[in-house]
Amino acid sequence: MKQLKQVVLAVLTGSLLLAGVASSAELASKKALTLEVTKGIAAVAEAHAKKNGWNVMIAILDDGGNLLYLQRMDGVQIGSIEVAIRKAKSAVNFKRPTKVFGEALGNSTAVLALPGSIPFEGGLPIKYEGAVIGAIGVSGMTAQQDGMIAQAGINALPNILN
């Protein structure tokens, strides 16, 4: 009987300790891209492309690498669909511009072994208050031009949010 009381006391003590931990635990509160914000970023990127006479594919992903928005301008080759998505996925997964992978190739080809990395400019993480909330990938022109288009979309974020 004494052992049973000790077991019951141990279970109750453990339950009370866990209850204390559970009551102080909280879920994270994070910002996420909305469709409206996503469309705003894509619209600015598209406007920059049109201004320069460039037809591109624009892909925007959420912070988990899931496709939120895909826009194919007239005349873009279908191969750019997957490239734009991969650029955005690489940017969100590694939380950095895809341009850094291309630059790293000058020193070593080891970057090619990174799963999901793509060494072409045009993929940028979308950051808000220091956190990556998604990414944009652009494909269809030169890597540098794709990067300029993606950057135009990123630069518009503060104005879109106001």
N, C-alpha and C. Protein backbone atom coordinates (compact mmCIF):
# COMPACT_ATOMS: atom_id res chain seq x y z
N MET A 1 0.82 -1.19 0.00
CA MET A 1 0.00 0.00 0.00
C MET A 1 0.87 1.26 0.00
N LYS A 2 1.99 1.20 0.73
CA LYS A 2 2.88 2.34 0.80
C LYS A 2 3.45 2.67 -0.59
N GLN A 3 3.78 1.62 -1.37
CA GLN A 3 4.31 1.83 -2.71
C GLN A 3 3.27 2.46 -3.63
N LEU A 4 2.02 2.05 -3.47
CA LEU A 4 0.94 2.62 -4.27
C LEU A 4 0.79 4.11 -3.98
N LYS A 5 0.87 4.50 -2.70
CA LYS A 5 0.77 5.91 -2.33
C LYS A 5 1.93 6.70 -2.93
N GLN A 6 3.13 6.12 -2.95
CA GLN A 6 4.29 6.80 -3.51
C GLN A 6 4.13 7.00 -5.03
N VAL A 7 3.58 5.97 -5.69
CA VAL A 7 3.36 6.07 -7.13
C VAL A 7 2.33 7.15 -7.42
N VAL A 8 1.23 7.15 -6.68
CA VAL A 8 0.18 8.14 -6.88
C VAL A 8 0.73 9.55 -6.61
N LEU A 9 1.51 9.69 -5.53
CA LEU A 9 2.10 10.98 -5.21
C LEU A 9 3.06 11.44 -6.31
N ALA A 10 3.85 10.52 -6.85
CA ALA A 10 4.78 10.85 -7.92
C ALA A 10 4.03 11.29 -9.18
N VAL A 11 2.95 10.59 -9.52
CA VAL A 11 2.15 10.93 -10.69
C VAL A 11 1.50 12.30 -10.52
N LEU A 12 0.96 12.56 -9.34
CA LEU A 12 0.34 13.86 -9.08
C LEU A 12 1.37 14.99 -9.13
N THR A 13 2.53 14.76 -8.55
CA THR A 13 3.59 15.76 -8.57
C THR A 13 4.02 16.05 -10.00
N GLY A 14 4.21 14.99 -10.77
CA GLY A 14 4.59 15.15 -12.18
C GLY A 14 3.53 15.90 -12.96
N SER A 15 2.27 15.58 -12.70
CA SER A 15 1.17 16.26 -13.39
C SER A 15 1.14 17.74 -13.05
N LEU A 16 1.36 18.08 -11.80
CA LEU A 16 1.37 19.49 -11.40
C LEU A 16 2.54 20.23 -12.03
N LEU A 17 3.71 19.57 -12.10
CA LEU A 17 4.86 20.21 -12.73
C LEU A 17 4.60 20.45 -14.22
N LEU A 18 4.02 19.45 -14.90
CA LEU A 18 3.71 19.61 -16.31
C LEU A 18 2.67 20.69 -16.54
N ALA A 19 1.71 20.77 -15.64
CA ALA A 19 0.68 21.79 -15.76
C ALA A 19 1.31 23.18 -15.68
N GLY A 20 2.32 23.32 -14.80
CA GLY A 20 3.02 24.60 -14.69
C GLY A 20 3.77 24.94 -15.95
N VAL A 21 4.40 23.95 -16.57
CA VAL A 21 5.12 24.17 -17.82
C VAL A 21 4.15 24.52 -18.94
N ALA A 22 3.06 23.78 -19.00
CA ALA A 22 2.08 24.00 -20.07
C ALA A 22 1.46 25.39 -19.98
N SER A 23 1.24 25.87 -18.76
CA SER A 23 0.59 27.17 -18.64
C SER A 23 1.52 28.31 -19.04
N SER A 24 2.84 28.08 -19.02
CA SER A 24 3.75 29.14 -19.42
C SER A 24 4.16 29.01 -20.89
N ALA A 25 3.81 27.92 -21.53
CA ALA A 25 4.17 27.74 -22.94
C ALA A 25 3.22 28.55 -23.82
N GLU A 26 3.78 29.09 -24.90
CA GLU A 26 2.97 29.86 -25.83
C GLU A 26 3.32 29.48 -27.25
N LEU A 27 2.39 29.69 -28.14
CA LEU A 27 2.65 29.50 -29.57
C LEU A 27 3.29 30.77 -30.13
N ALA A 28 4.10 30.59 -31.13
CA ALA A 28 4.74 31.74 -31.77
C ALA A 28 3.71 32.55 -32.55
N SER A 29 3.91 33.82 -32.56
CA SER A 29 3.07 34.72 -33.36
C SER A 29 3.96 35.23 -34.49
N LYS A 30 3.54 34.96 -35.72
CA LYS A 30 4.37 35.37 -36.84
C LYS A 30 3.53 36.00 -37.94
N LYS A 31 4.19 36.84 -38.71
CA LYS A 31 3.55 37.47 -39.86
C LYS A 31 3.61 36.52 -41.03
N ALA A 32 2.62 36.60 -41.88
CA ALA A 32 2.56 35.75 -43.07
C ALA A 32 2.09 36.58 -44.26
N LEU A 33 2.55 36.20 -45.43
CA LEU A 33 2.10 36.86 -46.65
C LEU A 33 0.62 36.59 -46.88
N THR A 34 -0.09 37.61 -47.29
CA THR A 34 -1.48 37.45 -47.71
C THR A 34 -1.52 37.49 -49.24
N LEU A 35 -2.61 37.08 -49.80
CA LEU A 35 -2.74 37.13 -51.26
C LEU A 35 -2.65 38.56 -51.76
N GLU A 36 -3.25 39.50 -51.04
CA GLU A 36 -3.21 40.90 -51.44
C GLU A 36 -1.78 41.44 -51.48
N VAL A 37 -1.00 41.15 -50.46
CA VAL A 37 0.40 41.60 -50.42
C VAL A 37 1.20 40.91 -51.52
N THR A 38 0.97 39.62 -51.68
CA THR A 38 1.66 38.84 -52.71
C THR A 38 1.40 39.41 -54.10
N LYS A 39 0.14 39.71 -54.39
CA LYS A 39 -0.21 40.29 -55.69
C LYS A 39 0.42 41.67 -55.87
N GLY A 40 0.53 42.43 -54.79
CA GLY A 40 1.16 43.74 -54.86
C GLY A 40 2.64 43.64 -55.22
N ILE A 41 3.34 42.70 -54.60
CA ILE A 41 4.76 42.48 -54.91
C ILE A 41 4.91 42.06 -56.37
N ALA A 42 4.07 41.12 -56.80
CA ALA A 42 4.13 40.64 -58.19
C ALA A 42 3.82 41.76 -59.18
N ALA A 43 2.86 42.62 -58.85
CA ALA A 43 2.48 43.71 -59.76
C ALA A 43 3.63 44.69 -59.95
N VAL A 44 4.34 45.00 -58.87
CA VAL A 44 5.47 45.92 -59.00
C VAL A 44 6.60 45.27 -59.80
N ALA A 45 6.85 43.99 -59.53
CA ALA A 45 7.87 43.26 -60.29
C ALA A 45 7.51 43.23 -61.77
N GLU A 46 6.24 42.96 -62.06
CA GLU A 46 5.78 42.93 -63.46
C GLU A 46 5.94 44.30 -64.11
N ALA A 47 5.57 45.36 -63.40
CA ALA A 47 5.68 46.71 -63.95
C ALA A 47 7.14 47.04 -64.29
N HIS A 48 8.06 46.62 -63.43
CA HIS A 48 9.48 46.85 -63.70
C HIS A 48 9.92 46.09 -64.95
N ALA A 49 9.46 44.85 -65.07
CA ALA A 49 9.79 44.05 -66.24
C ALA A 49 9.22 44.68 -67.51
N LYS A 50 7.96 45.09 -67.48
CA LYS A 50 7.32 45.70 -68.65
C LYS A 50 8.02 46.98 -69.07
N LYS A 51 8.40 47.79 -68.08
CA LYS A 51 9.08 49.05 -68.36
C LYS A 51 10.36 48.82 -69.17
N ASN A 52 10.99 47.68 -68.95
CA ASN A 52 12.25 47.35 -69.63
C ASN A 52 12.05 46.45 -70.85
N GLY A 53 10.79 46.09 -71.14
CA GLY A 53 10.51 45.22 -72.28
C GLY A 53 10.91 43.77 -72.05
N TRP A 54 10.88 43.35 -70.77
CA TRP A 54 11.28 41.99 -70.41
C TRP A 54 10.04 41.17 -70.06
N ASN A 55 9.90 40.00 -70.64
CA ASN A 55 8.81 39.09 -70.30
C ASN A 55 9.36 37.98 -69.42
N VAL A 56 8.77 37.83 -68.24
CA VAL A 56 9.30 36.88 -67.26
C VAL A 56 8.19 36.09 -66.58
N MET A 57 8.64 35.11 -65.84
CA MET A 57 7.80 34.32 -64.94
C MET A 57 8.10 34.81 -63.53
N ILE A 58 7.06 35.04 -62.74
CA ILE A 58 7.21 35.50 -61.36
C ILE A 58 6.53 34.48 -60.45
N ALA A 59 7.29 33.96 -59.49
CA ALA A 59 6.75 33.01 -58.51
C ALA A 59 6.96 33.58 -57.11
N ILE A 60 5.94 33.49 -56.28
CA ILE A 60 6.06 33.93 -54.89
C ILE A 60 5.61 32.78 -54.00
N LEU A 61 6.47 32.45 -53.02
CA LEU A 61 6.23 31.34 -52.10
C LEU A 61 6.08 31.86 -50.68
N ASP A 62 5.41 31.09 -49.84
CA ASP A 62 5.32 31.45 -48.42
C ASP A 62 6.59 31.00 -47.71
N ASP A 63 6.65 31.20 -46.39
CA ASP A 63 7.85 30.88 -45.64
C ASP A 63 8.14 29.38 -45.53
N GLY A 64 7.20 28.55 -45.91
CA GLY A 64 7.40 27.11 -45.93
C GLY A 64 7.76 26.58 -47.31
N GLY A 65 7.91 27.47 -48.27
CA GLY A 65 8.27 27.07 -49.62
C GLY A 65 7.09 26.63 -50.46
N ASN A 66 5.89 26.99 -50.05
CA ASN A 66 4.67 26.63 -50.79
C ASN A 66 4.28 27.76 -51.74
N LEU A 67 3.91 27.40 -52.95
CA LEU A 67 3.55 28.38 -53.96
C LEU A 67 2.29 29.14 -53.57
N LEU A 68 2.41 30.46 -53.55
CA LEU A 68 1.27 31.34 -53.29
C LEU A 68 0.75 31.98 -54.57
N TYR A 69 1.68 32.32 -55.47
CA TYR A 69 1.30 33.09 -56.66
C TYR A 69 2.28 32.79 -57.77
N LEU A 70 1.74 32.59 -58.98
CA LEU A 70 2.57 32.34 -60.14
C LEU A 70 2.01 33.15 -61.29
N GLN A 71 2.88 33.93 -61.92
CA GLN A 71 2.44 34.78 -63.02
C GLN A 71 3.40 34.60 -64.19
N ARG A 72 2.83 34.26 -65.33
CA ARG A 72 3.61 34.09 -66.55
C ARG A 72 3.22 35.18 -67.53
N MET A 73 4.16 36.05 -67.80
CA MET A 73 3.91 37.11 -68.77
C MET A 73 3.90 36.51 -70.17
N ASP A 74 3.25 37.18 -71.10
CA ASP A 74 3.14 36.69 -72.47
C ASP A 74 4.52 36.44 -73.08
N GLY A 75 4.64 35.34 -73.79
CA GLY A 75 5.86 35.05 -74.53
C GLY A 75 6.98 34.40 -73.75
N VAL A 76 6.76 34.11 -72.49
CA VAL A 76 7.82 33.50 -71.67
C VAL A 76 7.88 32.00 -71.95
N GLN A 77 9.11 31.48 -72.08
CA GLN A 77 9.27 30.05 -72.31
C GLN A 77 8.78 29.26 -71.10
N ILE A 78 8.21 28.09 -71.34
CA ILE A 78 7.64 27.30 -70.25
C ILE A 78 8.71 26.79 -69.29
N GLY A 79 9.95 26.70 -69.74
CA GLY A 79 11.03 26.28 -68.85
C GLY A 79 11.22 27.22 -67.68
N SER A 80 10.81 28.48 -67.84
CA SER A 80 10.96 29.47 -66.77
C SER A 80 10.00 29.25 -65.62
N ILE A 81 8.96 28.46 -65.83
CA ILE A 81 8.01 28.18 -64.74
C ILE A 81 8.75 27.52 -63.59
N GLU A 82 9.38 26.40 -63.87
CA GLU A 82 10.08 25.65 -62.82
C GLU A 82 11.29 26.41 -62.29
N VAL A 83 11.99 27.12 -63.16
CA VAL A 83 13.17 27.87 -62.71
C VAL A 83 12.76 28.96 -61.72
N ALA A 84 11.71 29.70 -61.99
CA ALA A 84 11.26 30.76 -61.08
C ALA A 84 10.87 30.17 -59.73
N ILE A 85 10.15 29.06 -59.76
CA ILE A 85 9.75 28.41 -58.50
C ILE A 85 10.98 27.94 -57.73
N ARG A 86 11.93 27.33 -58.43
CA ARG A 86 13.14 26.83 -57.77
C ARG A 86 13.99 27.97 -57.21
N LYS A 87 14.03 29.09 -57.90
CA LYS A 87 14.77 30.24 -57.37
C LYS A 87 14.14 30.72 -56.07
N ALA A 88 12.82 30.85 -56.06
CA ALA A 88 12.13 31.29 -54.84
C ALA A 88 12.30 30.27 -53.72
N LYS A 89 12.21 29.00 -54.04
CA LYS A 89 12.34 27.95 -53.02
C LYS A 89 13.74 27.95 -52.42
N SER A 90 14.74 28.13 -53.26
CA SER A 90 16.11 28.20 -52.77
C SER A 90 16.29 29.40 -51.85
N ALA A 91 15.73 30.54 -52.23
CA ALA A 91 15.85 31.76 -51.42
C ALA A 91 15.17 31.62 -50.07
N VAL A 92 14.00 30.98 -50.03
CA VAL A 92 13.30 30.83 -48.75
C VAL A 92 13.95 29.75 -47.90
N ASN A 93 14.40 28.67 -48.51
CA ASN A 93 15.01 27.58 -47.74
C ASN A 93 16.33 27.99 -47.10
N PHE A 94 17.11 28.76 -47.82
CA PHE A 94 18.42 29.16 -47.31
C PHE A 94 18.44 30.59 -46.76
N LYS A 95 17.30 31.28 -46.82
CA LYS A 95 17.14 32.62 -46.26
C LYS A 95 18.18 33.61 -46.80
N ARG A 96 18.46 33.48 -48.10
CA ARG A 96 19.40 34.38 -48.75
C ARG A 96 19.13 34.43 -50.24
N PRO A 97 19.63 35.47 -50.89
CA PRO A 97 19.45 35.56 -52.34
C PRO A 97 20.16 34.41 -53.05
N THR A 98 19.59 33.96 -54.14
CA THR A 98 20.21 32.88 -54.90
C THR A 98 21.51 33.33 -55.56
N LYS A 99 21.67 34.61 -55.70
CA LYS A 99 22.89 35.16 -56.28
C LYS A 99 24.14 34.68 -55.52
N VAL A 100 24.03 34.50 -54.20
CA VAL A 100 25.19 34.08 -53.40
C VAL A 100 25.70 32.70 -53.81
N PHE A 101 24.81 31.85 -54.29
CA PHE A 101 25.24 30.52 -54.72
C PHE A 101 26.04 30.60 -56.01
N GLY A 102 25.62 31.48 -56.90
CA GLY A 102 26.37 31.68 -58.14
C GLY A 102 27.74 32.27 -57.86
N GLU A 103 27.80 33.23 -56.93
CA GLU A 103 29.08 33.84 -56.57
C GLU A 103 30.00 32.83 -55.91
N ALA A 104 29.45 31.92 -55.13
CA ALA A 104 30.25 30.90 -54.44
C ALA A 104 30.88 29.91 -55.42
N LEU A 105 30.30 29.75 -56.59
CA LEU A 105 30.85 28.83 -57.59
C LEU A 105 32.26 29.24 -58.02
N GLY A 106 32.58 30.51 -57.91
CA GLY A 106 33.92 30.96 -58.27
C GLY A 106 34.99 30.38 -57.37
N ASN A 107 34.62 30.04 -56.14
CA ASN A 107 35.58 29.51 -55.17
C ASN A 107 35.53 27.99 -55.06
N SER A 108 34.36 27.41 -55.29
CA SER A 108 34.20 25.98 -55.09
C SER A 108 32.90 25.52 -55.74
N THR A 109 32.89 24.31 -56.21
CA THR A 109 31.66 23.75 -56.78
C THR A 109 30.83 23.05 -55.70
N ALA A 110 31.28 23.10 -54.45
CA ALA A 110 30.57 22.42 -53.36
C ALA A 110 29.14 22.93 -53.21
N VAL A 111 28.90 24.18 -53.59
CA VAL A 111 27.56 24.75 -53.48
C VAL A 111 26.55 23.95 -54.31
N LEU A 112 27.02 23.30 -55.37
CA LEU A 112 26.12 22.51 -56.21
C LEU A 112 25.58 21.28 -55.48
N ALA A 113 26.24 20.91 -54.39
CA ALA A 113 25.78 19.75 -53.61
C ALA A 113 24.71 20.12 -52.59
N LEU A 114 24.46 21.40 -52.39
CA LEU A 114 23.43 21.82 -51.44
C LEU A 114 22.05 21.48 -52.01
N PRO A 115 21.29 20.66 -51.32
CA PRO A 115 19.96 20.28 -51.84
C PRO A 115 19.05 21.49 -52.02
N GLY A 116 18.57 21.66 -53.22
CA GLY A 116 17.61 22.72 -53.48
C GLY A 116 18.21 24.07 -53.81
N SER A 117 19.54 24.18 -53.78
CA SER A 117 20.13 25.49 -54.12
C SER A 117 20.17 25.63 -55.63
N ILE A 118 20.06 26.85 -56.07
CA ILE A 118 20.14 27.14 -57.50
C ILE A 118 21.07 28.35 -57.65
N PRO A 119 22.13 28.20 -58.42
CA PRO A 119 23.17 29.25 -58.47
C PRO A 119 22.92 30.34 -59.50
N PHE A 120 21.70 30.82 -59.61
CA PHE A 120 21.38 31.88 -60.56
C PHE A 120 20.65 33.00 -59.83
N GLU A 121 21.03 34.22 -60.13
CA GLU A 121 20.37 35.39 -59.54
C GLU A 121 18.90 35.41 -59.97
N GLY A 122 18.06 35.95 -59.10
CA GLY A 122 16.64 36.07 -59.41
C GLY A 122 15.74 35.52 -58.33
N GLY A 123 16.32 34.94 -57.29
CA GLY A 123 15.54 34.47 -56.15
C GLY A 123 15.92 35.27 -54.92
N LEU A 124 14.92 35.86 -54.25
CA LEU A 124 15.17 36.69 -53.06
C LEU A 124 14.21 36.33 -51.94
N PRO A 125 14.71 36.25 -50.71
CA PRO A 125 13.79 36.08 -49.59
C PRO A 125 12.99 37.36 -49.37
N ILE A 126 11.77 37.21 -48.93
CA ILE A 126 10.94 38.36 -48.56
C ILE A 126 11.00 38.44 -47.04
N LYS A 127 11.52 39.56 -46.53
CA LYS A 127 11.71 39.71 -45.09
C LYS A 127 10.80 40.80 -44.55
N TYR A 128 10.34 40.55 -43.32
CA TYR A 128 9.55 41.55 -42.61
C TYR A 128 9.96 41.50 -41.15
N GLU A 129 10.36 42.63 -40.63
CA GLU A 129 10.83 42.74 -39.25
C GLU A 129 11.89 41.69 -38.95
N GLY A 130 12.80 41.49 -39.89
CA GLY A 130 13.92 40.59 -39.70
C GLY A 130 13.64 39.12 -39.94
N ALA A 131 12.40 38.75 -40.17
CA ALA A 131 12.03 37.35 -40.38
C ALA A 131 11.70 37.11 -41.85
N VAL A 132 12.09 35.94 -42.33
CA VAL A 132 11.75 35.57 -43.70
C VAL A 132 10.30 35.09 -43.73
N ILE A 133 9.47 35.77 -44.51
CA ILE A 133 8.05 35.43 -44.58
C ILE A 133 7.67 34.82 -45.93
N GLY A 134 8.66 34.69 -46.81
CA GLY A 134 8.42 34.13 -48.12
C GLY A 134 9.58 34.41 -49.04
N ALA A 135 9.36 34.23 -50.34
CA ALA A 135 10.41 34.50 -51.32
C ALA A 135 9.79 34.75 -52.68
N ILE A 136 10.55 35.45 -53.51
CA ILE A 136 10.15 35.70 -54.89
C ILE A 136 11.22 35.10 -55.80
N GLY A 137 10.78 34.50 -56.88
CA GLY A 137 11.69 33.98 -57.89
C GLY A 137 11.26 34.50 -59.25
N VAL A 138 12.21 34.95 -60.03
CA VAL A 138 11.93 35.49 -61.36
C VAL A 138 12.82 34.78 -62.36
N SER A 139 12.26 34.42 -63.52
CA SER A 139 13.02 33.76 -64.57
C SER A 139 12.48 34.19 -65.92
N GLY A 140 13.38 34.24 -66.90
CA GLY A 140 12.97 34.56 -68.26
C GLY A 140 13.95 35.43 -69.00
N MET A 141 14.74 36.17 -68.25
CA MET A 141 15.74 37.05 -68.88
C MET A 141 17.11 36.60 -68.39
N THR A 142 18.11 37.48 -68.45
CA THR A 142 19.40 37.12 -67.88
C THR A 142 19.25 37.04 -66.37
N ALA A 143 20.17 36.35 -65.72
CA ALA A 143 20.09 36.23 -64.26
C ALA A 143 20.10 37.61 -63.61
N GLN A 144 20.93 38.51 -64.11
CA GLN A 144 21.00 39.85 -63.53
C GLN A 144 19.68 40.60 -63.70
N GLN A 145 19.07 40.50 -64.87
CA GLN A 145 17.78 41.17 -65.10
C GLN A 145 16.70 40.55 -64.22
N ASP A 146 16.70 39.22 -64.09
CA ASP A 146 15.74 38.55 -63.20
C ASP A 146 15.90 39.08 -61.77
N GLY A 147 17.14 39.25 -61.34
CA GLY A 147 17.40 39.76 -60.00
C GLY A 147 16.90 41.18 -59.82
N MET A 148 17.04 42.01 -60.84
CA MET A 148 16.56 43.39 -60.77
C MET A 148 15.03 43.42 -60.64
N ILE A 149 14.37 42.54 -61.35
CA ILE A 149 12.90 42.48 -61.30
C ILE A 149 12.45 42.02 -59.92
N ALA A 150 13.08 40.97 -59.41
CA ALA A 150 12.74 40.47 -58.07
C ALA A 150 12.98 41.55 -57.02
N GLN A 151 14.09 42.27 -57.13
CA GLN A 151 14.41 43.32 -56.17
C GLN A 151 13.38 44.45 -56.21
N ALA A 152 12.89 44.78 -57.40
CA ALA A 152 11.84 45.81 -57.50
C ALA A 152 10.61 45.39 -56.70
N GLY A 153 10.22 44.12 -56.81
CA GLY A 153 9.08 43.63 -56.03
C GLY A 153 9.33 43.70 -54.54
N ILE A 154 10.52 43.30 -54.11
CA ILE A 154 10.89 43.34 -52.68
C ILE A 154 10.89 44.78 -52.18
N ASN A 155 11.44 45.68 -52.95
CA ASN A 155 11.54 47.08 -52.54
C ASN A 155 10.17 47.72 -52.32
N ALA A 156 9.15 47.18 -52.96
CA ALA A 156 7.80 47.75 -52.85
C ALA A 156 7.08 47.34 -51.57
N LEU A 157 7.59 46.36 -50.88
CA LEU A 157 6.88 45.83 -49.70
C LEU A 157 6.48 46.90 -48.68
N PRO A 158 7.37 47.79 -48.27
CA PRO A 158 6.95 48.82 -47.30
C PRO A 158 5.77 49.66 -47.79
N ASN A 159 5.78 50.03 -49.08
CA ASN A 159 4.67 50.83 -49.62
C ASN A 159 3.39 50.03 -49.70
N ILE A 160 3.50 48.75 -50.01
CA ILE A 160 2.31 47.89 -50.09
C ILE A 160 1.67 47.74 -48.72
N LEU A 161 2.49 47.69 -47.68
CA LEU A 161 1.98 47.51 -46.32
C LEU A 161 1.42 48.78 -45.70
N ASN A 162 1.70 49.93 -46.30
CA ASN A 162 1.18 51.20 -45.75
C ASN A 162 -0.09 51.62 -46.39
